[in-house]
């Protein structure tokens, strides 16, 4: 599978149905991944997204240092890794096993992004490469990070011509306690 480019004004459609995402980050030789259920599209042009990244996370340390991150939209086959990414500390993995990172510990394959240093997680439905828009008050008080989408990609089996495909693998929506919802069948209504 080769990802297809997504027009940046349509990048919000990769997130507007509210999926849980994997946030990947990198700075220097260090990299990390975490799960985030609290994210959303913010604007069309330029395309912007928001994600909550807690102060205690290794991901936040790397995003603050690099000024960039990737939102990866995982699917059903990745649910166990998404849950583990939300419950294991990348800092502890790196400290315990020098040269290892959370991607390796969780068995997540990656490939390089086109515009940022943070890697893309293989097997996802979509990827949004983001540059941090610094908002120190929001970051410190609300843990809210805003990113300008520099590049957006989608699996062509899931998203094409600016829309999610009806037979695509469903995205995950975390509802706590180790439980997820998945997107369901498409309901098409006529536009008025």
C-alpha atoms as a PDB file:
ATOM      1  CA  UNK A   1       0.000   0.000   0.000  1.00  0.00           C
ATOM      2  CA  UNK A   2       1.286   3.437  -0.956  1.00  0.00           C
ATOM      3  CA  UNK A   3      -0.419   6.360   0.807  1.00  0.00           C
ATOM      4  CA  UNK A   4      -2.128   9.001  -1.296  1.00  0.00           C
ATOM      5  CA  UNK A   5      -1.663  12.714  -0.695  1.00  0.00           C
ATOM      6  CA  UNK A   6      -4.653  14.501   0.806  1.00  0.00           C
ATOM      7  CA  UNK A   7      -5.364  18.112  -0.107  1.00  0.00           C
ATOM      8  CA  UNK A   8      -4.614  20.175   3.004  1.00  0.00           C
ATOM      9  CA  UNK A   9      -8.022  21.955   2.955  1.00  0.00           C
ATOM     10  CA  UNK A  10      -9.556  18.433   3.175  1.00  0.00           C
ATOM     11  CA  UNK A  11      -7.158  17.178   5.878  1.00  0.00           C
ATOM     12  CA  UNK A  12      -9.724  17.954   8.589  1.00  0.00           C
ATOM     13  CA  UNK A  13     -11.878  15.146   7.176  1.00  0.00           C
ATOM     14  CA  UNK A  14      -9.268  12.650   8.341  1.00  0.00           C
ATOM     15  CA  UNK A  15     -10.152  13.572  11.939  1.00  0.00           C
ATOM     16  CA  UNK A  16     -13.629  15.080  12.021  1.00  0.00           C
ATOM     17  CA  UNK A  17     -15.269  11.800  12.993  1.00  0.00           C
ATOM     18  CA  UNK A  18     -13.338  11.859  16.291  1.00  0.00           C
ATOM     19  CA  UNK A  19     -10.925   8.919  16.196  1.00  0.00           C
ATOM     20  CA  UNK A  20      -8.365   8.096  18.843  1.00  0.00           C
ATOM     21  CA  UNK A  21      -4.931   8.925  17.435  1.00  0.00           C
ATOM     22  CA  UNK A  22      -1.363   7.883  18.013  1.00  0.00           C
ATOM     23  CA  UNK A  23       0.797  10.980  18.482  1.00  0.00           C
ATOM     24  CA  UNK A  24       4.340  10.367  17.295  1.00  0.00           C
ATOM     25  CA  UNK A  25       7.188  12.700  18.165  1.00  0.00           C
ATOM     26  CA  UNK A  26      10.935  12.909  17.723  1.00  0.00           C
ATOM     27  CA  UNK A  27      13.818  15.142  18.718  1.00  0.00           C
ATOM     28  CA  UNK A  28      17.409  14.268  17.924  1.00  0.00           C
ATOM     29  CA  UNK A  29      17.844  10.516  18.335  1.00  0.00           C
ATOM     30  CA  UNK A  30      14.875  10.196  20.690  1.00  0.00           C
ATOM     31  CA  UNK A  31      11.358   9.381  19.530  1.00  0.00           C
ATOM     32  CA  UNK A  32       8.095   8.345  21.123  1.00  0.00           C
ATOM     33  CA  UNK A  33       4.456   7.509  20.523  1.00  0.00           C
ATOM     34  CA  UNK A  34       1.397   7.986  22.754  1.00  0.00           C
ATOM     35  CA  UNK A  35      -2.341   7.495  22.382  1.00  0.00           C
ATOM     36  CA  UNK A  36      -4.652  10.520  22.521  1.00  0.00           C
ATOM     37  CA  UNK A  37      -8.432  10.356  22.512  1.00  0.00           C
ATOM     38  CA  UNK A  38      -8.823  14.128  22.818  1.00  0.00           C
ATOM     39  CA  UNK A  39      -8.068  15.622  19.417  1.00  0.00           C
ATOM     40  CA  UNK A  40      -9.932  17.496  16.745  1.00  0.00           C
ATOM     41  CA  UNK A  41      -9.723  19.402  13.500  1.00  0.00           C
ATOM     42  CA  UNK A  42      -9.566  23.151  14.097  1.00  0.00           C
ATOM     43  CA  UNK A  43      -9.456  24.927  10.727  1.00  0.00           C
ATOM     44  CA  UNK A  44      -9.423  24.374   6.961  1.00  0.00           C
ATOM     45  CA  UNK A  45      -6.924  26.838   5.494  1.00  0.00           C
ATOM     46  CA  UNK A  46      -4.335  26.590   6.688  1.00  0.00           C
ATOM     47  CA  UNK A  47      -5.346  23.189   7.998  1.00  0.00           C
ATOM     48  CA  UNK A  48      -4.976  23.026  11.787  1.00  0.00           C
ATOM     49  CA  UNK A  49      -5.584  20.384  14.461  1.00  0.00           C
ATOM     50  CA  UNK A  50      -5.620  20.278  18.272  1.00  0.00           C
ATOM     51  CA  UNK A  51      -4.518  17.503  20.585  1.00  0.00           C
ATOM     52  CA  UNK A  52      -4.232  17.252  24.366  1.00  0.00           C
ATOM     53  CA  UNK A  53      -0.732  16.198  25.488  1.00  0.00           C
ATOM     54  CA  UNK A  54      -0.306  15.887  29.262  1.00  0.00           C
ATOM     55  CA  UNK A  55       2.597  17.644  30.980  1.00  0.00           C
ATOM     56  CA  UNK A  56       3.995  14.377  32.349  1.00  0.00           C
ATOM     57  CA  UNK A  57       4.453  12.657  28.994  1.00  0.00           C
ATOM     58  CA  UNK A  58       7.686  11.980  27.143  1.00  0.00           C
ATOM     59  CA  UNK A  59       5.838  12.895  23.937  1.00  0.00           C
ATOM     60  CA  UNK A  60       5.249  16.398  25.268  1.00  0.00           C
ATOM     61  CA  UNK A  61       8.930  16.788  26.070  1.00  0.00           C
ATOM     62  CA  UNK A  62       9.809  15.836  22.494  1.00  0.00           C
ATOM     63  CA  UNK A  63       7.092  18.012  20.908  1.00  0.00           C
ATOM     64  CA  UNK A  64       8.204  20.998  22.990  1.00  0.00           C
ATOM     65  CA  UNK A  65      11.821  20.441  21.905  1.00  0.00           C
ATOM     66  CA  UNK A  66      11.124  19.793  18.204  1.00  0.00           C
ATOM     67  CA  UNK A  67       8.058  21.944  17.558  1.00  0.00           C
ATOM     68  CA  UNK A  68       6.387  19.181  15.531  1.00  0.00           C
ATOM     69  CA  UNK A  69       4.370  15.962  15.754  1.00  0.00           C
ATOM     70  CA  UNK A  70       2.335  13.494  13.701  1.00  0.00           C
ATOM     71  CA  UNK A  71      -1.257  12.417  14.318  1.00  0.00           C
ATOM     72  CA  UNK A  72      -1.648   8.807  13.130  1.00  0.00           C
ATOM     73  CA  UNK A  73      -5.209   7.441  12.778  1.00  0.00           C
ATOM     74  CA  UNK A  74      -5.077   3.738  13.779  1.00  0.00           C
ATOM     75  CA  UNK A  75      -7.558   0.980  12.936  1.00  0.00           C
ATOM     76  CA  UNK A  76      -8.949  -2.158  14.594  1.00  0.00           C
ATOM     77  CA  UNK A  77      -5.891  -4.351  14.085  1.00  0.00           C
ATOM     78  CA  UNK A  78      -3.860  -1.820  16.083  1.00  0.00           C
ATOM     79  CA  UNK A  79      -6.206  -1.573  19.096  1.00  0.00           C
ATOM     80  CA  UNK A  80      -3.930  -3.509  21.489  1.00  0.00           C
ATOM     81  CA  UNK A  81      -0.933  -1.342  20.539  1.00  0.00           C
ATOM     82  CA  UNK A  82      -3.030   1.836  20.922  1.00  0.00           C
ATOM     83  CA  UNK A  83      -4.106   0.750  24.408  1.00  0.00           C
ATOM     84  CA  UNK A  84      -0.516  -0.103  25.360  1.00  0.00           C
ATOM     85  CA  UNK A  85       0.735   3.219  23.926  1.00  0.00           C
ATOM     86  CA  UNK A  86      -1.678   4.985  26.268  1.00  0.00           C
ATOM     87  CA  UNK A  87      -0.565   3.035  29.343  1.00  0.00           C
ATOM     88  CA  UNK A  88       3.217   2.607  28.953  1.00  0.00           C
ATOM     89  CA  UNK A  89       5.773   5.348  29.382  1.00  0.00           C
ATOM     90  CA  UNK A  90       8.185   5.891  26.523  1.00  0.00           C
ATOM     91  CA  UNK A  91      10.582   7.579  28.936  1.00  0.00           C
ATOM     92  CA  UNK A  92      10.705   4.451  31.132  1.00  0.00           C
ATOM     93  CA  UNK A  93      11.241   2.196  28.108  1.00  0.00           C
ATOM     94  CA  UNK A  94      14.106   4.403  26.855  1.00  0.00           C
ATOM     95  CA  UNK A  95      15.689   4.626  30.341  1.00  0.00           C
ATOM     96  CA  UNK A  96      15.439   0.876  30.961  1.00  0.00           C
ATOM     97  CA  UNK A  97      16.651  -0.328  27.563  1.00  0.00           C
ATOM     98  CA  UNK A  98      19.075   2.118  25.980  1.00  0.00           C
ATOM     99  CA  UNK A  99      18.620   2.245  22.227  1.00  0.00           C
ATOM    100  CA  UNK A 100      15.003   1.063  22.428  1.00  0.00           C
ATOM    101  CA  UNK A 101      11.880   3.140  22.138  1.00  0.00           C
ATOM    102  CA  UNK A 102       8.143   2.683  22.539  1.00  0.00           C
ATOM    103  CA  UNK A 103       7.652   1.930  18.832  1.00  0.00           C
ATOM    104  CA  UNK A 104       9.973  -1.083  19.092  1.00  0.00           C
ATOM    105  CA  UNK A 105       8.554  -2.149  22.462  1.00  0.00           C
ATOM    106  CA  UNK A 106       5.013  -2.161  21.016  1.00  0.00           C
ATOM    107  CA  UNK A 107       5.993  -3.747  17.701  1.00  0.00           C
ATOM    108  CA  UNK A 108       4.952  -0.680  15.692  1.00  0.00           C
ATOM    109  CA  UNK A 109       6.654  -0.319  12.329  1.00  0.00           C
ATOM    110  CA  UNK A 110       7.299   3.210  11.100  1.00  0.00           C
ATOM    111  CA  UNK A 111       8.475   5.101   8.054  1.00  0.00           C
ATOM    112  CA  UNK A 112       9.785   8.635   7.668  1.00  0.00           C
ATOM    113  CA  UNK A 113       7.408  11.558   7.358  1.00  0.00           C
ATOM    114  CA  UNK A 114       7.816  13.953   4.436  1.00  0.00           C
ATOM    115  CA  UNK A 115       7.891  17.252   6.369  1.00  0.00           C
ATOM    116  CA  UNK A 116       8.701  16.494  10.032  1.00  0.00           C
ATOM    117  CA  UNK A 117      11.170  14.316  11.960  1.00  0.00           C
ATOM    118  CA  UNK A 118       8.480  12.368  13.834  1.00  0.00           C
ATOM    119  CA  UNK A 119       7.779   9.018  12.139  1.00  0.00           C
ATOM    120  CA  UNK A 120       4.543   7.771  10.595  1.00  0.00           C
ATOM    121  CA  UNK A 121       3.099   4.596  12.159  1.00  0.00           C
ATOM    122  CA  UNK A 122       2.628   1.857   9.553  1.00  0.00           C
ATOM    123  CA  UNK A 123      -0.787   0.240   9.221  1.00  0.00           C
ATOM    124  CA  UNK A 124      -2.788   3.349  10.113  1.00  0.00           C
ATOM    125  CA  UNK A 125      -5.676   4.733   8.075  1.00  0.00           C
ATOM    126  CA  UNK A 126      -4.326   8.297   7.898  1.00  0.00           C
ATOM    127  CA  UNK A 127      -1.422  10.510   8.937  1.00  0.00           C
ATOM    128  CA  UNK A 128      -1.172  14.268   9.563  1.00  0.00           C
ATOM    129  CA  UNK A 129       2.293  15.831   9.782  1.00  0.00           C
ATOM    130  CA  UNK A 130       2.109  18.937  11.967  1.00  0.00           C
ATOM    131  CA  UNK A 131       4.201  21.928  12.980  1.00  0.00           C
ATOM    132  CA  UNK A 132       3.436  23.233  16.460  1.00  0.00           C
ATOM    133  CA  UNK A 133       1.711  26.608  16.643  1.00  0.00           C
ATOM    134  CA  UNK A 134       3.048  27.819  19.980  1.00  0.00           C
ATOM    135  CA  UNK A 135       0.307  28.906  22.375  1.00  0.00           C
ATOM    136  CA  UNK A 136       2.128  28.821  25.758  1.00  0.00           C
ATOM    137  CA  UNK A 137      -0.965  29.680  27.824  1.00  0.00           C
ATOM    138  CA  UNK A 138      -3.102  26.921  26.284  1.00  0.00           C
ATOM    139  CA  UNK A 139      -0.243  24.431  26.497  1.00  0.00           C
ATOM    140  CA  UNK A 140       0.527  25.137  30.161  1.00  0.00           C
ATOM    141  CA  UNK A 141      -3.004  25.584  31.476  1.00  0.00           C
ATOM    142  CA  UNK A 142      -4.999  23.176  29.295  1.00  0.00           C
ATOM    143  CA  UNK A 143      -2.323  20.818  27.866  1.00  0.00           C
ATOM    144  CA  UNK A 144      -3.796  21.839  24.487  1.00  0.00           C
ATOM    145  CA  UNK A 145      -1.452  21.739  21.508  1.00  0.00           C
ATOM    146  CA  UNK A 146      -2.314  23.282  18.149  1.00  0.00           C
ATOM    147  CA  UNK A 147      -0.603  22.104  14.995  1.00  0.00           C
ATOM    148  CA  UNK A 148      -0.597  23.381  11.441  1.00  0.00           C
ATOM    149  CA  UNK A 149      -0.943  20.421   9.097  1.00  0.00           C
ATOM    150  CA  UNK A 150       2.008  20.479   6.693  1.00  0.00           C
ATOM    151  CA  UNK A 151       1.205  17.192   4.929  1.00  0.00           C
ATOM    152  CA  UNK A 152      -1.679  14.739   5.153  1.00  0.00           C
ATOM    153  CA  UNK A 153      -1.792  11.164   3.905  1.00  0.00           C
ATOM    154  CA  UNK A 154      -4.404   8.414   3.778  1.00  0.00           C
ATOM    155  CA  UNK A 155      -4.604   4.747   2.939  1.00  0.00           C
ATOM    156  CA  UNK A 156      -6.404   4.779  -0.442  1.00  0.00           C
ATOM    157  CA  UNK A 157      -8.421   1.732   0.661  1.00  0.00           C
ATOM    158  CA  UNK A 158      -9.952   3.896   3.423  1.00  0.00           C
ATOM    159  CA  UNK A 159     -10.035   7.476   2.097  1.00  0.00           C
ATOM    160  CA  UNK A 160     -10.272   8.752  -1.478  1.00  0.00           C
ATOM    161  CA  UNK A 161     -11.467  11.856  -3.326  1.00  0.00           C
ATOM    162  CA  UNK A 162     -11.758  13.768  -0.033  1.00  0.00           C
ATOM    163  CA  UNK A 163     -14.025  11.232   1.716  1.00  0.00           C
ATOM    164  CA  UNK A 164     -13.874   8.147   3.928  1.00  0.00           C
ATOM    165  CA  UNK A 165     -14.899   5.082   1.960  1.00  0.00           C
ATOM    166  CA  UNK A 166     -17.947   3.107   3.161  1.00  0.00           C
ATOM    167  CA  UNK A 167     -16.149  -0.255   3.227  1.00  0.00           C
ATOM    168  CA  UNK A 168     -12.981   1.052   4.897  1.00  0.00           C
ATOM    169  CA  UNK A 169     -11.530  -0.503   8.018  1.00  0.00           C
ATOM    170  CA  UNK A 170     -13.122   1.357  10.946  1.00  0.00           C
ATOM    171  CA  UNK A 171     -11.229   3.870  13.048  1.00  0.00           C
ATOM    172  CA  UNK A 172     -11.059   3.500  16.838  1.00  0.00           C
ATOM    173  CA  UNK A 173     -12.782   5.705  19.420  1.00  0.00           C
ATOM    174  CA  UNK A 174     -11.585   5.169  22.981  1.00  0.00           C
ATOM    175  CA  UNK A 175     -14.289   5.225  25.650  1.00  0.00           C
ATOM    176  CA  UNK A 176     -12.155   4.290  28.720  1.00  0.00           C
ATOM    177  CA  UNK A 177     -11.503   1.106  30.655  1.00  0.00           C
ATOM    178  CA  UNK A 178      -9.821  -0.593  27.702  1.00  0.00           C
ATOM    179  CA  UNK A 179     -12.919  -0.259  25.505  1.00  0.00           C
ATOM    180  CA  UNK A 180     -13.221   1.230  22.031  1.00  0.00           C
ATOM    181  CA  UNK A 181     -16.076   2.017  19.685  1.00  0.00           C
ATOM    182  CA  UNK A 182     -15.519   1.703  15.950  1.00  0.00           C
ATOM    183  CA  UNK A 183     -17.053   3.735  13.194  1.00  0.00           C
ATOM    184  CA  UNK A 184     -20.012   1.933  11.685  1.00  0.00           C
ATOM    185  CA  UNK A 185     -21.926   1.784   8.421  1.00  0.00           C
ATOM    186  CA  UNK A 186     -22.330   4.963   6.399  1.00  0.00           C
ATOM    187  CA  UNK A 187     -25.705   6.698   6.497  1.00  0.00           C
ATOM    188  CA  UNK A 188     -26.192   8.762   3.338  1.00  0.00           C
ATOM    189  CA  UNK A 189     -28.820  11.508   3.250  1.00  0.00           C
ATOM    190  CA  UNK A 190     -29.632  13.893   0.403  1.00  0.00           C
ATOM    191  CA  UNK A 191     -28.182  17.369   0.708  1.00  0.00           C
ATOM    192  CA  UNK A 192     -30.731  20.187   0.719  1.00  0.00           C
END
